[in-house]
Amino acid sequence: MSPATLETKIADIAPRYREELAAFVDFLLFKQSNEQRNSPTADVKPRKSLFGAMKDQNFYMAPDFDAPLEEFSE
């Protein structure tokens, strides 16, 4: 949309809605600045997958791990 067309449309808006329009334009400008700041760049490396990262670790699990807890016995 050309700026001239936009100006024509703004001129047709009732004065009571112009403040709301100004607030919406401010919101759009804020949104645009955040998108520019948070846009991914070419030098960002993809994350390395952590799948299988702990496969060589030894973990101890008590033999009674699945046993009912004393707190829940009645």
N, C-alpha and C. Protein backbone atom coordinates (compact mmCIF):
# COMPACT_ATOMS: atom_id res chain seq x y z
N MET A 1 0.85 -1.17 0.00
CA MET A 1 0.00 0.00 0.00
C MET A 1 0.90 1.23 0.00
N SER A 2 0.58 2.15 -0.83
CA SER A 2 1.40 3.35 -0.94
C SER A 2 1.11 4.30 0.23
N PRO A 3 2.07 5.13 0.59
CA PRO A 3 1.85 6.10 1.68
C PRO A 3 0.69 7.05 1.40
N ALA A 4 0.48 7.41 0.14
CA ALA A 4 -0.62 8.32 -0.20
C ALA A 4 -1.96 7.66 0.09
N THR A 5 -2.10 6.38 -0.25
CA THR A 5 -3.34 5.66 0.02
C THR A 5 -3.57 5.54 1.52
N LEU A 6 -2.50 5.29 2.23
CA LEU A 6 -2.61 5.18 3.68
C LEU A 6 -3.03 6.51 4.30
N GLU A 7 -2.46 7.59 3.82
CA GLU A 7 -2.85 8.92 4.32
C GLU A 7 -4.32 9.21 4.05
N THR A 8 -4.81 8.81 2.89
CA THR A 8 -6.22 9.02 2.55
C THR A 8 -7.12 8.24 3.51
N LYS A 9 -6.74 7.01 3.79
CA LYS A 9 -7.53 6.19 4.71
C LYS A 9 -7.50 6.77 6.12
N ILE A 10 -6.37 7.26 6.55
CA ILE A 10 -6.26 7.86 7.88
C ILE A 10 -7.13 9.11 7.97
N ALA A 11 -7.15 9.90 6.93
CA ALA A 11 -7.97 11.11 6.91
C ALA A 11 -9.46 10.79 7.00
N ASP A 12 -9.86 9.61 6.51
CA ASP A 12 -11.27 9.21 6.55
C ASP A 12 -11.70 8.68 7.92
N ILE A 13 -10.75 8.41 8.80
CA ILE A 13 -11.09 7.87 10.12
C ILE A 13 -11.64 8.98 11.00
N ALA A 14 -12.68 8.64 11.75
CA ALA A 14 -13.29 9.61 12.67
C ALA A 14 -12.28 10.04 13.73
N PRO A 15 -12.31 11.28 14.15
CA PRO A 15 -11.34 11.78 15.14
C PRO A 15 -11.30 10.98 16.44
N ARG A 16 -12.41 10.40 16.85
CA ARG A 16 -12.41 9.64 18.11
C ARG A 16 -11.60 8.34 18.01
N TYR A 17 -11.34 7.86 16.80
CA TYR A 17 -10.57 6.63 16.61
C TYR A 17 -9.10 6.89 16.30
N ARG A 18 -8.72 8.12 16.10
CA ARG A 18 -7.34 8.42 15.71
C ARG A 18 -6.34 8.12 16.82
N GLU A 19 -6.73 8.32 18.07
CA GLU A 19 -5.84 8.00 19.18
C GLU A 19 -5.59 6.49 19.25
N GLU A 20 -6.65 5.73 19.02
CA GLU A 20 -6.51 4.27 18.99
C GLU A 20 -5.62 3.84 17.83
N LEU A 21 -5.77 4.49 16.70
CA LEU A 21 -4.93 4.20 15.54
C LEU A 21 -3.47 4.51 15.84
N ALA A 22 -3.22 5.62 16.50
CA ALA A 22 -1.85 5.99 16.86
C ALA A 22 -1.23 4.95 17.79
N ALA A 23 -2.02 4.45 18.74
CA ALA A 23 -1.53 3.42 19.66
C ALA A 23 -1.22 2.13 18.90
N PHE A 24 -2.07 1.80 17.93
CA PHE A 24 -1.84 0.59 17.14
C PHE A 24 -0.58 0.72 16.28
N VAL A 25 -0.36 1.88 15.71
CA VAL A 25 0.85 2.12 14.92
C VAL A 25 2.09 2.00 15.82
N ASP A 26 2.01 2.53 17.04
CA ASP A 26 3.12 2.38 17.98
C ASP A 26 3.38 0.91 18.29
N PHE A 27 2.31 0.14 18.47
CA PHE A 27 2.46 -1.29 18.71
C PHE A 27 3.14 -1.99 17.54
N LEU A 28 2.73 -1.67 16.32
CA LEU A 28 3.34 -2.28 15.14
C LEU A 28 4.82 -1.93 15.02
N LEU A 29 5.17 -0.70 15.34
CA LEU A 29 6.58 -0.29 15.30
C LEU A 29 7.38 -1.03 16.36
N PHE A 30 6.81 -1.21 17.53
CA PHE A 30 7.46 -1.97 18.60
C PHE A 30 7.67 -3.42 18.17
N LYS A 31 6.63 -4.00 17.60
CA LYS A 31 6.70 -5.40 17.13
C LYS A 31 7.78 -5.56 16.05
N GLN A 32 7.85 -4.60 15.14
CA GLN A 32 8.84 -4.63 14.08
C GLN A 32 10.26 -4.54 14.65
N SER A 33 10.46 -3.68 15.64
CA SER A 33 11.81 -3.54 16.21
C SER A 33 12.22 -4.81 16.95
N ASN A 34 11.26 -5.49 17.61
CA ASN A 34 11.57 -6.74 18.29
C ASN A 34 11.91 -7.84 17.30
N GLU A 35 11.21 -7.89 16.18
CA GLU A 35 11.49 -8.91 15.17
C GLU A 35 12.87 -8.70 14.57
N GLN A 36 13.27 -7.46 14.38
CA GLN A 36 14.59 -7.18 13.82
C GLN A 36 15.67 -7.55 14.82
N ARG A 37 15.42 -7.28 16.11
CA ARG A 37 16.40 -7.59 17.14
C ARG A 37 16.55 -9.09 17.35
N ASN A 38 15.45 -9.83 17.25
CA ASN A 38 15.46 -11.26 17.53
C ASN A 38 15.59 -12.13 16.30
N SER A 39 15.86 -11.54 15.15
CA SER A 39 15.96 -12.35 13.94
C SER A 39 17.23 -13.19 13.98
N PRO A 40 17.14 -14.44 13.53
CA PRO A 40 18.32 -15.30 13.53
C PRO A 40 19.35 -14.81 12.53
N THR A 41 20.60 -14.96 12.89
CA THR A 41 21.68 -14.55 12.00
C THR A 41 22.38 -15.78 11.46
N ALA A 42 23.20 -15.60 10.46
CA ALA A 42 23.87 -16.72 9.80
C ALA A 42 24.93 -17.36 10.69
N ASP A 43 25.51 -16.62 11.65
CA ASP A 43 26.59 -17.17 12.46
C ASP A 43 26.09 -17.90 13.70
N VAL A 44 24.81 -18.16 13.83
CA VAL A 44 24.29 -18.93 14.95
C VAL A 44 24.37 -20.41 14.59
N LYS A 45 25.05 -21.17 15.43
CA LYS A 45 25.22 -22.60 15.17
C LYS A 45 23.99 -23.36 15.68
N PRO A 46 23.57 -24.40 14.97
CA PRO A 46 22.45 -25.19 15.47
C PRO A 46 22.86 -25.94 16.74
N ARG A 47 21.91 -26.16 17.62
CA ARG A 47 22.21 -26.85 18.87
C ARG A 47 22.54 -28.31 18.61
N LYS A 48 23.47 -28.81 19.39
CA LYS A 48 23.83 -30.22 19.30
C LYS A 48 22.81 -31.04 20.08
N SER A 49 22.39 -32.15 19.52
CA SER A 49 21.41 -33.00 20.17
C SER A 49 22.02 -33.62 21.43
N LEU A 50 21.24 -33.71 22.48
CA LEU A 50 21.70 -34.32 23.73
C LEU A 50 21.22 -35.76 23.86
N PHE A 51 20.60 -36.28 22.82
CA PHE A 51 20.13 -37.66 22.87
C PHE A 51 21.30 -38.61 23.04
N GLY A 52 21.25 -39.43 24.07
CA GLY A 52 22.31 -40.40 24.33
C GLY A 52 23.52 -39.82 25.02
N ALA A 53 23.44 -38.62 25.54
CA ALA A 53 24.59 -37.98 26.17
C ALA A 53 25.00 -38.68 27.46
N MET A 54 24.09 -39.38 28.13
CA MET A 54 24.40 -40.02 29.41
C MET A 54 24.50 -41.54 29.27
N LYS A 55 24.69 -42.07 28.08
CA LYS A 55 24.64 -43.51 27.88
C LYS A 55 25.77 -44.26 28.56
N ASP A 56 26.91 -43.65 28.78
CA ASP A 56 28.05 -44.34 29.41
C ASP A 56 28.12 -44.11 30.91
N GLN A 57 27.15 -43.45 31.47
CA GLN A 57 27.16 -43.16 32.91
C GLN A 57 26.56 -44.33 33.68
N ASN A 58 27.12 -44.61 34.85
CA ASN A 58 26.59 -45.67 35.71
C ASN A 58 25.75 -45.01 36.80
N PHE A 59 24.52 -45.45 36.92
CA PHE A 59 23.61 -44.93 37.92
C PHE A 59 23.16 -46.07 38.81
N TYR A 60 23.05 -45.78 40.10
CA TYR A 60 22.59 -46.78 41.06
C TYR A 60 21.11 -46.60 41.31
N MET A 61 20.38 -47.72 41.26
CA MET A 61 18.97 -47.71 41.60
C MET A 61 18.75 -48.78 42.66
N ALA A 62 18.16 -48.40 43.76
CA ALA A 62 17.94 -49.33 44.86
C ALA A 62 17.06 -50.49 44.41
N PRO A 63 17.31 -51.69 44.95
CA PRO A 63 16.49 -52.84 44.55
C PRO A 63 15.01 -52.68 44.92
N ASP A 64 14.73 -51.90 45.97
CA ASP A 64 13.34 -51.71 46.38
C ASP A 64 12.76 -50.41 45.82
N PHE A 65 13.22 -49.99 44.69
CA PHE A 65 12.78 -48.73 44.09
C PHE A 65 11.27 -48.72 43.85
N ASP A 66 10.74 -49.83 43.39
CA ASP A 66 9.31 -49.91 43.08
C ASP A 66 8.45 -50.30 44.28
N ALA A 67 9.07 -50.53 45.42
CA ALA A 67 8.31 -50.95 46.61
C ALA A 67 7.42 -49.80 47.08
N PRO A 68 6.28 -50.13 47.69
CA PRO A 68 5.40 -49.08 48.21
C PRO A 68 6.10 -48.29 49.33
N LEU A 69 5.82 -47.02 49.39
CA LEU A 69 6.42 -46.16 50.41
C LEU A 69 5.71 -46.37 51.75
N GLU A 70 6.49 -46.24 52.81
CA GLU A 70 5.89 -46.42 54.15
C GLU A 70 4.88 -45.32 54.44
N GLU A 71 5.07 -44.14 53.92
CA GLU A 71 4.16 -43.04 54.19
C GLU A 71 2.74 -43.30 53.67
N PHE A 72 2.63 -44.17 52.68
CA PHE A 72 1.33 -44.43 52.08
C PHE A 72 0.67 -45.68 52.60
N SER A 73 1.35 -46.44 53.45
CA SER A 73 0.73 -47.64 54.00
C SER A 73 -0.16 -47.24 55.17
N GLU A 74 -1.29 -47.93 55.31
CA GLU A 74 -2.23 -47.57 56.38
C GLU A 74 -2.35 -48.69 57.36
